[in-house]
């Protein structure tokens, strides 16, 4: 997925979150949007994946040189954020089955494959409401990593993960890094590759 932002700006009431953001994200490359907490990284991601409309400027998306209309963008992306909700009444298995009713799995994996790759198989019949915050984050990341998507958006991806789960995160990230466009919003250098393109959101205040 190629994403081109031209003079994007976003404000709430009179407060500008960012202004005149222009950048060209190339297919199958990884990018880190950096800045301190509260600087607008999450808002920028939401504008870039077409969930929020910009207050100024425009963002366009292409897949294999085909321009996408706004309504098509969601079908071509995967998202994992700490503020994204899971369905607490579902078990892990039910959540995976539900998610992949609407999205294709990466490389044709089965539901069983996805559950195995979460590293949470022993809890597949446990209600998500009884998951720890780290288990929930790991499930969110698993759903995103294993979705067939041209663009992957990760917001502070290692939030609530322990050391073992952070290593799992890196294993998953490295496996797909060269097959999709990845945007990671983070203030932690341990969440994105050292060769990622870095964009400091404070440069667009």
C-alpha atoms as a PDB file:
ATOM      1  CA  UNK A   1       0.000   0.000   0.000  1.00  0.00           C
ATOM      2  CA  UNK A   2       1.211   3.451  -0.905  1.00  0.00           C
ATOM      3  CA  UNK A   3      -0.120   6.288   1.265  1.00  0.00           C
ATOM      4  CA  UNK A   4       0.333   9.905   0.238  1.00  0.00           C
ATOM      5  CA  UNK A   5      -0.508  12.692   2.683  1.00  0.00           C
ATOM      6  CA  UNK A   6      -0.698  16.240   1.347  1.00  0.00           C
ATOM      7  CA  UNK A   7      -0.788  19.103   3.862  1.00  0.00           C
ATOM      8  CA  UNK A   8      -2.857  17.108   6.345  1.00  0.00           C
ATOM      9  CA  UNK A   9      -4.073  19.017   9.367  1.00  0.00           C
ATOM     10  CA  UNK A  10      -6.342  18.050  12.234  1.00  0.00           C
ATOM     11  CA  UNK A  11      -7.832  20.115  15.009  1.00  0.00           C
ATOM     12  CA  UNK A  12     -10.395  19.711  17.756  1.00  0.00           C
ATOM     13  CA  UNK A  13     -12.240  22.941  18.474  1.00  0.00           C
ATOM     14  CA  UNK A  14      -9.446  25.548  18.404  1.00  0.00           C
ATOM     15  CA  UNK A  15      -6.558  23.209  19.180  1.00  0.00           C
ATOM     16  CA  UNK A  16      -4.419  22.038  16.263  1.00  0.00           C
ATOM     17  CA  UNK A  17      -3.215  18.451  16.788  1.00  0.00           C
ATOM     18  CA  UNK A  18      -0.904  18.642  13.758  1.00  0.00           C
ATOM     19  CA  UNK A  19      -0.632  20.910  10.733  1.00  0.00           C
ATOM     20  CA  UNK A  20       0.598  20.648   7.139  1.00  0.00           C
ATOM     21  CA  UNK A  21       1.696  17.029   7.368  1.00  0.00           C
ATOM     22  CA  UNK A  22       2.993  15.847   4.006  1.00  0.00           C
ATOM     23  CA  UNK A  23       4.645  12.470   3.496  1.00  0.00           C
ATOM     24  CA  UNK A  24       4.750   9.619   0.988  1.00  0.00           C
ATOM     25  CA  UNK A  25       4.692   6.160   2.563  1.00  0.00           C
ATOM     26  CA  UNK A  26       6.053   3.599   0.123  1.00  0.00           C
ATOM     27  CA  UNK A  27       4.719   0.048  -0.325  1.00  0.00           C
ATOM     28  CA  UNK A  28       6.218  -2.680   1.866  1.00  0.00           C
ATOM     29  CA  UNK A  29       8.275  -0.255   3.957  1.00  0.00           C
ATOM     30  CA  UNK A  30       8.147   0.307   7.714  1.00  0.00           C
ATOM     31  CA  UNK A  31       7.715   3.724   9.319  1.00  0.00           C
ATOM     32  CA  UNK A  32       7.748   5.006  12.884  1.00  0.00           C
ATOM     33  CA  UNK A  33       5.708   8.050  13.873  1.00  0.00           C
ATOM     34  CA  UNK A  34       7.418   9.329  16.995  1.00  0.00           C
ATOM     35  CA  UNK A  35       6.698  11.904  19.680  1.00  0.00           C
ATOM     36  CA  UNK A  36       5.861  12.137  23.385  1.00  0.00           C
ATOM     37  CA  UNK A  37       2.571  11.013  24.915  1.00  0.00           C
ATOM     38  CA  UNK A  38      -0.283  13.318  23.959  1.00  0.00           C
ATOM     39  CA  UNK A  39       1.508  14.728  20.921  1.00  0.00           C
ATOM     40  CA  UNK A  40      -1.090  13.465  18.401  1.00  0.00           C
ATOM     41  CA  UNK A  41       0.472  10.251  17.079  1.00  0.00           C
ATOM     42  CA  UNK A  42      -2.731   8.233  17.511  1.00  0.00           C
ATOM     43  CA  UNK A  43      -4.824  10.939  15.868  1.00  0.00           C
ATOM     44  CA  UNK A  44      -2.470  11.067  12.896  1.00  0.00           C
ATOM     45  CA  UNK A  45      -2.683   7.290  12.475  1.00  0.00           C
ATOM     46  CA  UNK A  46      -6.482   7.442  12.523  1.00  0.00           C
ATOM     47  CA  UNK A  47      -6.454  10.103   9.810  1.00  0.00           C
ATOM     48  CA  UNK A  48      -3.957   8.096   7.743  1.00  0.00           C
ATOM     49  CA  UNK A  49      -6.074   4.922   7.903  1.00  0.00           C
ATOM     50  CA  UNK A  50      -9.146   7.026   6.970  1.00  0.00           C
ATOM     51  CA  UNK A  51     -11.110   6.621  10.186  1.00  0.00           C
ATOM     52  CA  UNK A  52     -11.016  10.344  10.988  1.00  0.00           C
ATOM     53  CA  UNK A  53     -11.476  13.050   8.349  1.00  0.00           C
ATOM     54  CA  UNK A  54      -8.722  15.688   8.227  1.00  0.00           C
ATOM     55  CA  UNK A  55      -9.499  19.301   9.030  1.00  0.00           C
ATOM     56  CA  UNK A  56      -7.353  20.262   6.054  1.00  0.00           C
ATOM     57  CA  UNK A  57      -5.406  18.594   3.259  1.00  0.00           C
ATOM     58  CA  UNK A  58      -5.954  15.096   1.928  1.00  0.00           C
ATOM     59  CA  UNK A  59      -4.697  11.535   2.152  1.00  0.00           C
ATOM     60  CA  UNK A  60      -4.772   9.048  -0.723  1.00  0.00           C
ATOM     61  CA  UNK A  61      -4.160   5.305  -0.838  1.00  0.00           C
ATOM     62  CA  UNK A  62      -3.023   2.997  -3.631  1.00  0.00           C
ATOM     63  CA  UNK A  63      -2.737  -0.793  -3.843  1.00  0.00           C
ATOM     64  CA  UNK A  64      -0.855  -2.137  -6.871  1.00  0.00           C
ATOM     65  CA  UNK A  65      -1.156   1.303  -8.518  1.00  0.00           C
ATOM     66  CA  UNK A  66      -4.937   1.290  -8.082  1.00  0.00           C
ATOM     67  CA  UNK A  67      -6.356   4.257  -6.200  1.00  0.00           C
ATOM     68  CA  UNK A  68      -8.713   3.337  -3.362  1.00  0.00           C
ATOM     69  CA  UNK A  69     -11.825   5.262  -2.473  1.00  0.00           C
ATOM     70  CA  UNK A  70     -12.249   5.981   1.231  1.00  0.00           C
ATOM     71  CA  UNK A  71     -14.767   3.161   1.694  1.00  0.00           C
ATOM     72  CA  UNK A  72     -12.235   0.622   0.342  1.00  0.00           C
ATOM     73  CA  UNK A  73      -9.363   1.524   2.639  1.00  0.00           C
ATOM     74  CA  UNK A  74     -10.655  -0.418   5.641  1.00  0.00           C
ATOM     75  CA  UNK A  75     -10.830  -3.635   3.602  1.00  0.00           C
ATOM     76  CA  UNK A  76      -7.102  -3.365   2.823  1.00  0.00           C
ATOM     77  CA  UNK A  77      -5.680  -2.665   6.288  1.00  0.00           C
ATOM     78  CA  UNK A  78      -5.197  -4.218   9.714  1.00  0.00           C
ATOM     79  CA  UNK A  79      -5.043  -2.292  12.988  1.00  0.00           C
ATOM     80  CA  UNK A  80      -3.898  -2.961  16.554  1.00  0.00           C
ATOM     81  CA  UNK A  81      -4.147  -0.303  19.252  1.00  0.00           C
ATOM     82  CA  UNK A  82      -4.430  -0.347  23.066  1.00  0.00           C
ATOM     83  CA  UNK A  83      -7.756   1.516  22.829  1.00  0.00           C
ATOM     84  CA  UNK A  84      -9.300  -0.905  20.304  1.00  0.00           C
ATOM     85  CA  UNK A  85     -12.026  -3.003  21.918  1.00  0.00           C
ATOM     86  CA  UNK A  86     -12.377  -6.761  21.859  1.00  0.00           C
ATOM     87  CA  UNK A  87     -15.704  -8.475  22.531  1.00  0.00           C
ATOM     88  CA  UNK A  88     -15.338  -9.464  26.168  1.00  0.00           C
ATOM     89  CA  UNK A  89     -18.166 -12.005  26.039  1.00  0.00           C
ATOM     90  CA  UNK A  90     -16.336 -14.025  23.378  1.00  0.00           C
ATOM     91  CA  UNK A  91     -13.732 -16.662  24.035  1.00  0.00           C
ATOM     92  CA  UNK A  92     -10.419 -16.339  22.231  1.00  0.00           C
ATOM     93  CA  UNK A  93     -11.557 -18.914  19.667  1.00  0.00           C
ATOM     94  CA  UNK A  94     -14.854 -17.110  19.096  1.00  0.00           C
ATOM     95  CA  UNK A  95     -13.031 -13.793  18.658  1.00  0.00           C
ATOM     96  CA  UNK A  96     -10.691 -15.252  16.048  1.00  0.00           C
ATOM     97  CA  UNK A  97     -13.546 -16.949  14.195  1.00  0.00           C
ATOM     98  CA  UNK A  98     -15.601 -13.738  14.268  1.00  0.00           C
ATOM     99  CA  UNK A  99     -12.735 -11.543  13.046  1.00  0.00           C
ATOM    100  CA  UNK A 100     -11.978 -13.777  10.089  1.00  0.00           C
ATOM    101  CA  UNK A 101     -15.563 -13.778   8.923  1.00  0.00           C
ATOM    102  CA  UNK A 102     -14.771 -10.274   7.657  1.00  0.00           C
ATOM    103  CA  UNK A 103     -11.061 -10.497   6.844  1.00  0.00           C
ATOM    104  CA  UNK A 104      -8.883 -13.049   5.078  1.00  0.00           C
ATOM    105  CA  UNK A 105      -6.065 -14.703   6.973  1.00  0.00           C
ATOM    106  CA  UNK A 106      -2.501 -14.021   5.897  1.00  0.00           C
ATOM    107  CA  UNK A 107      -1.166 -16.718   3.564  1.00  0.00           C
ATOM    108  CA  UNK A 108      -4.347 -18.757   3.884  1.00  0.00           C
ATOM    109  CA  UNK A 109      -3.824 -19.756   7.508  1.00  0.00           C
ATOM    110  CA  UNK A 110      -6.618 -21.618   9.261  1.00  0.00           C
ATOM    111  CA  UNK A 111      -8.317 -20.473  12.462  1.00  0.00           C
ATOM    112  CA  UNK A 112      -6.358 -23.225  14.210  1.00  0.00           C
ATOM    113  CA  UNK A 113      -3.098 -21.798  12.842  1.00  0.00           C
ATOM    114  CA  UNK A 114      -3.968 -18.308  14.071  1.00  0.00           C
ATOM    115  CA  UNK A 115      -4.883 -19.557  17.541  1.00  0.00           C
ATOM    116  CA  UNK A 116      -1.597 -21.470  17.745  1.00  0.00           C
ATOM    117  CA  UNK A 117       0.366 -18.385  16.706  1.00  0.00           C
ATOM    118  CA  UNK A 118      -1.157 -16.263  19.465  1.00  0.00           C
ATOM    119  CA  UNK A 119       0.743 -18.349  22.007  1.00  0.00           C
ATOM    120  CA  UNK A 120      -2.503 -18.388  24.018  1.00  0.00           C
ATOM    121  CA  UNK A 121      -3.919 -21.727  22.894  1.00  0.00           C
ATOM    122  CA  UNK A 122      -4.312 -22.965  26.468  1.00  0.00           C
ATOM    123  CA  UNK A 123      -6.826 -20.111  26.933  1.00  0.00           C
ATOM    124  CA  UNK A 124      -8.735 -20.548  23.660  1.00  0.00           C
ATOM    125  CA  UNK A 125     -12.016 -21.349  25.478  1.00  0.00           C
ATOM    126  CA  UNK A 126     -11.570 -18.691  28.152  1.00  0.00           C
ATOM    127  CA  UNK A 127     -13.739 -15.548  28.040  1.00  0.00           C
ATOM    128  CA  UNK A 128     -11.778 -12.490  26.974  1.00  0.00           C
ATOM    129  CA  UNK A 129     -13.251 -10.630  29.961  1.00  0.00           C
ATOM    130  CA  UNK A 130     -11.019 -12.842  32.102  1.00  0.00           C
ATOM    131  CA  UNK A 131      -7.858 -12.105  30.108  1.00  0.00           C
ATOM    132  CA  UNK A 132      -5.077  -9.977  31.544  1.00  0.00           C
ATOM    133  CA  UNK A 133      -4.302  -6.694  29.773  1.00  0.00           C
ATOM    134  CA  UNK A 134      -1.202  -8.316  28.272  1.00  0.00           C
ATOM    135  CA  UNK A 135      -3.197 -11.254  26.896  1.00  0.00           C
ATOM    136  CA  UNK A 136      -5.714  -8.872  25.329  1.00  0.00           C
ATOM    137  CA  UNK A 137      -2.952  -6.878  23.675  1.00  0.00           C
ATOM    138  CA  UNK A 138      -1.347 -10.053  22.364  1.00  0.00           C
ATOM    139  CA  UNK A 139      -4.686 -11.133  20.858  1.00  0.00           C
ATOM    140  CA  UNK A 140      -5.167  -7.735  19.201  1.00  0.00           C
ATOM    141  CA  UNK A 141      -1.701  -7.947  17.692  1.00  0.00           C
ATOM    142  CA  UNK A 142      -2.289 -11.527  16.533  1.00  0.00           C
ATOM    143  CA  UNK A 143      -5.471 -10.563  14.707  1.00  0.00           C
ATOM    144  CA  UNK A 144      -3.637  -7.720  12.982  1.00  0.00           C
ATOM    145  CA  UNK A 145      -0.501  -9.708  12.111  1.00  0.00           C
ATOM    146  CA  UNK A 146      -2.479 -12.634  10.706  1.00  0.00           C
ATOM    147  CA  UNK A 147      -4.866 -10.544   8.594  1.00  0.00           C
ATOM    148  CA  UNK A 148      -4.151 -10.417   4.872  1.00  0.00           C
ATOM    149  CA  UNK A 149      -3.595  -6.673   4.571  1.00  0.00           C
ATOM    150  CA  UNK A 150      -1.712  -4.214   2.401  1.00  0.00           C
ATOM    151  CA  UNK A 151      -1.284  -1.774   5.284  1.00  0.00           C
ATOM    152  CA  UNK A 152      -0.655  -2.480   8.968  1.00  0.00           C
ATOM    153  CA  UNK A 153      -1.145   0.218  11.616  1.00  0.00           C
ATOM    154  CA  UNK A 154       0.238  -0.366  15.123  1.00  0.00           C
ATOM    155  CA  UNK A 155      -0.204   2.141  17.946  1.00  0.00           C
ATOM    156  CA  UNK A 156       2.171   1.616  20.921  1.00  0.00           C
ATOM    157  CA  UNK A 157       2.165  -2.115  20.136  1.00  0.00           C
ATOM    158  CA  UNK A 158       4.046  -3.454  23.172  1.00  0.00           C
ATOM    159  CA  UNK A 159       1.735  -1.762  25.708  1.00  0.00           C
ATOM    160  CA  UNK A 160       1.110  -4.207  28.604  1.00  0.00           C
ATOM    161  CA  UNK A 161       3.403  -6.884  27.125  1.00  0.00           C
ATOM    162  CA  UNK A 162       5.978  -8.657  29.284  1.00  0.00           C
ATOM    163  CA  UNK A 163       9.517  -9.448  28.115  1.00  0.00           C
ATOM    164  CA  UNK A 164       8.553 -12.805  26.575  1.00  0.00           C
ATOM    165  CA  UNK A 165       5.610 -11.283  24.721  1.00  0.00           C
ATOM    166  CA  UNK A 166       7.752  -8.432  23.414  1.00  0.00           C
ATOM    167  CA  UNK A 167      10.069 -11.008  21.839  1.00  0.00           C
ATOM    168  CA  UNK A 168       6.974 -12.703  20.353  1.00  0.00           C
ATOM    169  CA  UNK A 169       5.923  -9.315  18.944  1.00  0.00           C
ATOM    170  CA  UNK A 170       9.286  -8.881  17.252  1.00  0.00           C
ATOM    171  CA  UNK A 171       9.179 -12.384  15.775  1.00  0.00           C
ATOM    172  CA  UNK A 172       5.766 -11.650  14.256  1.00  0.00           C
ATOM    173  CA  UNK A 173       6.791  -8.211  13.005  1.00  0.00           C
ATOM    174  CA  UNK A 174       9.976  -9.400  11.325  1.00  0.00           C
ATOM    175  CA  UNK A 175       8.119 -12.206   9.563  1.00  0.00           C
ATOM    176  CA  UNK A 176       5.782  -9.821   7.707  1.00  0.00           C
ATOM    177  CA  UNK A 177       7.936  -6.703   7.565  1.00  0.00           C
ATOM    178  CA  UNK A 178       8.761  -6.921   3.859  1.00  0.00           C
ATOM    179  CA  UNK A 179       5.290  -7.932   2.699  1.00  0.00           C
ATOM    180  CA  UNK A 180       3.167  -4.964   3.780  1.00  0.00           C
ATOM    181  CA  UNK A 181       3.365  -1.251   4.533  1.00  0.00           C
ATOM    182  CA  UNK A 182       3.725  -0.827   8.300  1.00  0.00           C
ATOM    183  CA  UNK A 183       3.143   2.350  10.308  1.00  0.00           C
ATOM    184  CA  UNK A 184       4.014   2.248  14.018  1.00  0.00           C
ATOM    185  CA  UNK A 185       3.159   5.097  16.382  1.00  0.00           C
ATOM    186  CA  UNK A 186       5.527   4.992  19.345  1.00  0.00           C
ATOM    187  CA  UNK A 187       7.670   6.945  21.788  1.00  0.00           C
ATOM    188  CA  UNK A 188       9.747   3.811  22.467  1.00  0.00           C
ATOM    189  CA  UNK A 189      12.613   2.874  20.139  1.00  0.00           C
ATOM    190  CA  UNK A 190      12.149  -0.735  21.242  1.00  0.00           C
ATOM    191  CA  UNK A 191       8.866  -0.959  19.317  1.00  0.00           C
ATOM    192  CA  UNK A 192      10.106  -0.360  15.777  1.00  0.00           C
ATOM    193  CA  UNK A 193      13.054  -1.471  13.626  1.00  0.00           C
ATOM    194  CA  UNK A 194      16.178   0.683  13.634  1.00  0.00           C
ATOM    195  CA  UNK A 195      15.956   1.063   9.836  1.00  0.00           C
ATOM    196  CA  UNK A 196      12.336   2.287   9.899  1.00  0.00           C
ATOM    197  CA  UNK A 197      11.628   5.669   8.373  1.00  0.00           C
ATOM    198  CA  UNK A 198      11.137   8.076  11.281  1.00  0.00           C
ATOM    199  CA  UNK A 199       8.657  10.936  11.306  1.00  0.00           C
ATOM    200  CA  UNK A 200       8.621  13.231  14.328  1.00  0.00           C
ATOM    201  CA  UNK A 201       5.095  14.549  14.757  1.00  0.00           C
ATOM    202  CA  UNK A 202       6.413  17.553  16.676  1.00  0.00           C
ATOM    203  CA  UNK A 203       7.754  18.811  13.358  1.00  0.00           C
ATOM    204  CA  UNK A 204       4.159  19.361  12.247  1.00  0.00           C
ATOM    205  CA  UNK A 205       2.812  21.420  15.144  1.00  0.00           C
END
